[in-house]
Amino acid sequence: MFIVPLTRESRQLSRLFDAFDAAEPNAARAPALDVVESDTAYTVTLDMPGVAKEDVKVSIEGKSVTVQAGTKRTDERKEGDRIVYRERAVTRYSRRFSLPVELEQAEAGAKLEHGVLTLTLPKRGARSAAQITIN
């Protein structure tokens, strides 16, 4: 077993984080996000490590986007094993944001890869120019 000796400073830091975690243990975290705009769509990336794609819910209503997700605790152990120490916990993510224009729900897409959720959110009415034949 690997043991890290605790110094006075590391014990104080540990107590600080313990107090922070105890304040709201089930509170959802707001994942960090980036928004990139093109002429026809927004591309939004959110960091959500440890989340499976079936545990992500994205809803779009007008200009508003809501993302909710969470990790699950895995208690897979071999017979006779016991947990000695546990820091990893179930994490919930929740983020709601609004964009400047209405979004096209039917054409929106999402991809989760390596803990990064990428949303492609087309702008409503932002179609590429088309030639019109004049009779």
C-alpha atoms as a PDB file:
ATOM      1  CA  MET A   1       0.000   0.000   0.000  1.00  0.00           C
ATOM      2  CA  PHE A   2       1.226   3.488  -0.849  1.00  0.00           C
ATOM      3  CA  ILE A   3       1.016   6.061   1.959  1.00  0.00           C
ATOM      4  CA  VAL A   4       1.716   9.774   1.595  1.00  0.00           C
ATOM      5  CA  PRO A   5       2.983  11.479   4.752  1.00  0.00           C
ATOM      6  CA  LEU A   6       0.836  14.432   5.768  1.00  0.00           C
ATOM      7  CA  THR A   7       2.427  17.731   6.618  1.00  0.00           C
ATOM      8  CA  ARG A   8       0.668  20.396   8.639  1.00  0.00           C
ATOM      9  CA  GLU A   9      -0.113  22.370   5.462  1.00  0.00           C
ATOM     10  CA  SER A  10      -1.509  19.372   3.597  1.00  0.00           C
ATOM     11  CA  ARG A  11      -3.763  18.535   6.572  1.00  0.00           C
ATOM     12  CA  GLN A  12      -5.112  22.096   6.589  1.00  0.00           C
ATOM     13  CA  LEU A  13      -5.732  21.951   2.848  1.00  0.00           C
ATOM     14  CA  SER A  14      -7.434  18.575   3.233  1.00  0.00           C
ATOM     15  CA  ARG A  15      -9.745  19.983   5.936  1.00  0.00           C
ATOM     16  CA  LEU A  16     -10.600  22.905   3.679  1.00  0.00           C
ATOM     17  CA  PHE A  17     -11.673  20.605   0.843  1.00  0.00           C
ATOM     18  CA  ASP A  18     -13.540  18.312   3.248  1.00  0.00           C
ATOM     19  CA  ALA A  19     -15.522  21.314   4.532  1.00  0.00           C
ATOM     20  CA  PHE A  20     -16.245  22.421   0.953  1.00  0.00           C
ATOM     21  CA  ASP A  21     -17.445  18.942  -0.074  1.00  0.00           C
ATOM     22  CA  ALA A  22     -19.575  18.559   3.062  1.00  0.00           C
ATOM     23  CA  ALA A  23     -21.384  21.850   2.442  1.00  0.00           C
ATOM     24  CA  GLU A  24     -23.339  20.533  -0.572  1.00  0.00           C
ATOM     25  CA  PRO A  25     -22.401  16.938  -1.365  1.00  0.00           C
ATOM     26  CA  ASN A  26     -25.165  16.461  -3.971  1.00  0.00           C
ATOM     27  CA  ALA A  27     -24.878  19.857  -5.668  1.00  0.00           C
ATOM     28  CA  ALA A  28     -24.527  19.746  -9.437  1.00  0.00           C
ATOM     29  CA  ARG A  29     -21.364  21.137 -10.959  1.00  0.00           C
ATOM     30  CA  ALA A  30     -21.498  23.596 -13.839  1.00  0.00           C
ATOM     31  CA  PRO A  31     -19.183  22.174 -16.516  1.00  0.00           C
ATOM     32  CA  ALA A  32     -16.775  24.560 -18.228  1.00  0.00           C
ATOM     33  CA  LEU A  33     -17.864  25.426 -21.753  1.00  0.00           C
ATOM     34  CA  ASP A  34     -16.642  27.123 -24.922  1.00  0.00           C
ATOM     35  CA  VAL A  35     -18.921  28.591 -27.596  1.00  0.00           C
ATOM     36  CA  VAL A  36     -17.821  29.107 -31.205  1.00  0.00           C
ATOM     37  CA  GLU A  37     -20.083  30.868 -33.719  1.00  0.00           C
ATOM     38  CA  SER A  38     -20.220  30.482 -37.495  1.00  0.00           C
ATOM     39  CA  ASP A  39     -22.668  32.033 -39.958  1.00  0.00           C
ATOM     40  CA  THR A  40     -25.093  29.123 -39.628  1.00  0.00           C
ATOM     41  CA  ALA A  41     -24.507  27.509 -36.221  1.00  0.00           C
ATOM     42  CA  TYR A  42     -22.956  27.518 -32.768  1.00  0.00           C
ATOM     43  CA  THR A  43     -20.558  24.815 -31.626  1.00  0.00           C
ATOM     44  CA  VAL A  44     -20.515  24.373 -27.859  1.00  0.00           C
ATOM     45  CA  THR A  45     -18.033  22.144 -26.023  1.00  0.00           C
ATOM     46  CA  LEU A  46     -18.448  21.160 -22.372  1.00  0.00           C
ATOM     47  CA  ASP A  47     -16.044  19.227 -20.144  1.00  0.00           C
ATOM     48  CA  MET A  48     -17.766  16.304 -18.406  1.00  0.00           C
ATOM     49  CA  PRO A  49     -15.198  13.647 -17.471  1.00  0.00           C
ATOM     50  CA  GLY A  50     -16.445  10.203 -16.549  1.00  0.00           C
ATOM     51  CA  VAL A  51     -19.912  10.643 -18.065  1.00  0.00           C
ATOM     52  CA  ALA A  52     -21.396   7.987 -20.367  1.00  0.00           C
ATOM     53  CA  LYS A  53     -23.373   9.174 -23.391  1.00  0.00           C
ATOM     54  CA  GLU A  54     -26.556   7.480 -22.164  1.00  0.00           C
ATOM     55  CA  ASP A  55     -26.386   9.615 -18.998  1.00  0.00           C
ATOM     56  CA  VAL A  56     -26.461  12.962 -20.863  1.00  0.00           C
ATOM     57  CA  LYS A  57     -29.673  14.908 -21.468  1.00  0.00           C
ATOM     58  CA  VAL A  58     -29.711  17.992 -23.703  1.00  0.00           C
ATOM     59  CA  SER A  59     -32.827  20.080 -24.250  1.00  0.00           C
ATOM     60  CA  ILE A  60     -33.285  23.099 -26.487  1.00  0.00           C
ATOM     61  CA  GLU A  61     -36.085  25.600 -26.145  1.00  0.00           C
ATOM     62  CA  GLY A  62     -35.875  28.674 -28.348  1.00  0.00           C
ATOM     63  CA  LYS A  63     -32.556  30.346 -27.457  1.00  0.00           C
ATOM     64  CA  SER A  64     -32.003  28.323 -24.249  1.00  0.00           C
ATOM     65  CA  VAL A  65     -29.995  25.129 -23.932  1.00  0.00           C
ATOM     66  CA  THR A  66     -29.994  22.892 -20.847  1.00  0.00           C
ATOM     67  CA  VAL A  67     -27.431  20.130 -20.324  1.00  0.00           C
ATOM     68  CA  GLN A  68     -27.732  17.612 -17.493  1.00  0.00           C
ATOM     69  CA  ALA A  69     -25.512  14.606 -16.896  1.00  0.00           C
ATOM     70  CA  GLY A  70     -23.983  12.494 -14.187  1.00  0.00           C
ATOM     71  CA  THR A  71     -21.517   9.776 -13.385  1.00  0.00           C
ATOM     72  CA  LYS A  72     -22.403   6.508 -11.710  1.00  0.00           C
ATOM     73  CA  ARG A  73     -20.551   4.815  -8.904  1.00  0.00           C
ATOM     74  CA  THR A  74     -19.068   1.493  -9.903  1.00  0.00           C
ATOM     75  CA  ASP A  75     -18.803  -0.903  -6.997  1.00  0.00           C
ATOM     76  CA  GLU A  76     -17.250  -3.746  -8.938  1.00  0.00           C
ATOM     77  CA  ARG A  77     -15.033  -5.715  -6.581  1.00  0.00           C
ATOM     78  CA  LYS A  78     -13.645  -9.187  -6.587  1.00  0.00           C
ATOM     79  CA  GLU A  79     -14.814 -11.493  -3.832  1.00  0.00           C
ATOM     80  CA  GLY A  80     -12.815 -10.817  -0.683  1.00  0.00           C
ATOM     81  CA  ASP A  81     -11.796  -7.277  -1.723  1.00  0.00           C
ATOM     82  CA  ARG A  82     -12.675  -4.388   0.541  1.00  0.00           C
ATOM     83  CA  ILE A  83     -12.528  -0.661   0.034  1.00  0.00           C
ATOM     84  CA  VAL A  84      -9.674   0.861   2.023  1.00  0.00           C
ATOM     85  CA  TYR A  85     -10.099   4.473   0.923  1.00  0.00           C
ATOM     86  CA  ARG A  86     -12.482   6.233  -1.455  1.00  0.00           C
ATOM     87  CA  GLU A  87     -12.363   9.794  -2.844  1.00  0.00           C
ATOM     88  CA  ARG A  88     -14.135   9.335  -6.155  1.00  0.00           C
ATOM     89  CA  ALA A  89     -17.806  10.148  -5.889  1.00  0.00           C
ATOM     90  CA  VAL A  90     -20.868  10.351  -8.054  1.00  0.00           C
ATOM     91  CA  THR A  91     -20.806  13.683  -9.882  1.00  0.00           C
ATOM     92  CA  ARG A  92     -23.783  15.539 -11.320  1.00  0.00           C
ATOM     93  CA  TYR A  93     -23.426  18.205 -13.996  1.00  0.00           C
ATOM     94  CA  SER A  94     -25.977  20.853 -14.891  1.00  0.00           C
ATOM     95  CA  ARG A  95     -25.611  23.888 -17.128  1.00  0.00           C
ATOM     96  CA  ARG A  96     -28.195  26.198 -18.674  1.00  0.00           C
ATOM     97  CA  PHE A  97     -27.246  28.967 -21.085  1.00  0.00           C
ATOM     98  CA  SER A  98     -28.871  31.191 -23.690  1.00  0.00           C
ATOM     99  CA  LEU A  99     -27.584  32.124 -27.116  1.00  0.00           C
ATOM    100  CA  PRO A 100     -28.404  35.331 -29.037  1.00  0.00           C
ATOM    101  CA  VAL A 101     -30.649  33.704 -31.678  1.00  0.00           C
ATOM    102  CA  GLU A 102     -33.316  30.990 -31.859  1.00  0.00           C
ATOM    103  CA  LEU A 103     -31.973  27.471 -32.469  1.00  0.00           C
ATOM    104  CA  GLU A 104     -33.169  24.774 -34.860  1.00  0.00           C
ATOM    105  CA  GLN A 105     -33.953  21.847 -32.543  1.00  0.00           C
ATOM    106  CA  ALA A 106     -34.527  19.259 -35.244  1.00  0.00           C
ATOM    107  CA  GLU A 107     -31.084  19.763 -36.813  1.00  0.00           C
ATOM    108  CA  ALA A 108     -29.055  19.959 -33.574  1.00  0.00           C
ATOM    109  CA  GLY A 109     -26.433  17.300 -32.907  1.00  0.00           C
ATOM    110  CA  ALA A 110     -24.356  16.065 -29.983  1.00  0.00           C
ATOM    111  CA  LYS A 111     -21.207  13.976 -29.624  1.00  0.00           C
ATOM    112  CA  LEU A 112     -19.486  12.798 -26.426  1.00  0.00           C
ATOM    113  CA  GLU A 113     -15.868  11.789 -26.796  1.00  0.00           C
ATOM    114  CA  HIS A 114     -13.120  11.490 -24.157  1.00  0.00           C
ATOM    115  CA  GLY A 115     -15.174  13.393 -21.547  1.00  0.00           C
ATOM    116  CA  VAL A 116     -15.948  16.318 -23.875  1.00  0.00           C
ATOM    117  CA  LEU A 117     -19.513  16.932 -25.055  1.00  0.00           C
ATOM    118  CA  THR A 118     -19.716  18.770 -28.385  1.00  0.00           C
ATOM    119  CA  LEU A 119     -23.055  20.301 -29.366  1.00  0.00           C
ATOM    120  CA  THR A 120     -23.753  21.561 -32.880  1.00  0.00           C
ATOM    121  CA  LEU A 121     -26.629  24.036 -32.650  1.00  0.00           C
ATOM    122  CA  PRO A 122     -27.847  25.392 -36.010  1.00  0.00           C
ATOM    123  CA  LYS A 123     -29.345  28.881 -36.016  1.00  0.00           C
ATOM    124  CA  ARG A 124     -33.013  29.078 -36.972  1.00  0.00           C
ATOM    125  CA  GLY A 125     -33.463  30.666 -40.373  1.00  0.00           C
ATOM    126  CA  ALA A 126     -29.714  30.688 -41.087  1.00  0.00           C
ATOM    127  CA  ARG A 127     -29.700  28.857 -44.372  1.00  0.00           C
ATOM    128  CA  SER A 128     -27.023  29.058 -46.963  1.00  0.00           C
ATOM    129  CA  ALA A 129     -27.789  31.290 -49.935  1.00  0.00           C
ATOM    130  CA  ALA A 130     -29.475  29.601 -52.845  1.00  0.00           C
ATOM    131  CA  GLN A 131     -29.871  30.724 -56.439  1.00  0.00           C
ATOM    132  CA  ILE A 132     -33.432  31.510 -57.453  1.00  0.00           C
ATOM    133  CA  THR A 133     -34.396  31.036 -61.077  1.00  0.00           C
ATOM    134  CA  ILE A 134     -36.217  34.044 -62.503  1.00  0.00           C
ATOM    135  CA  ASN A 135     -38.939  33.206 -65.022  1.00  0.00           C
END
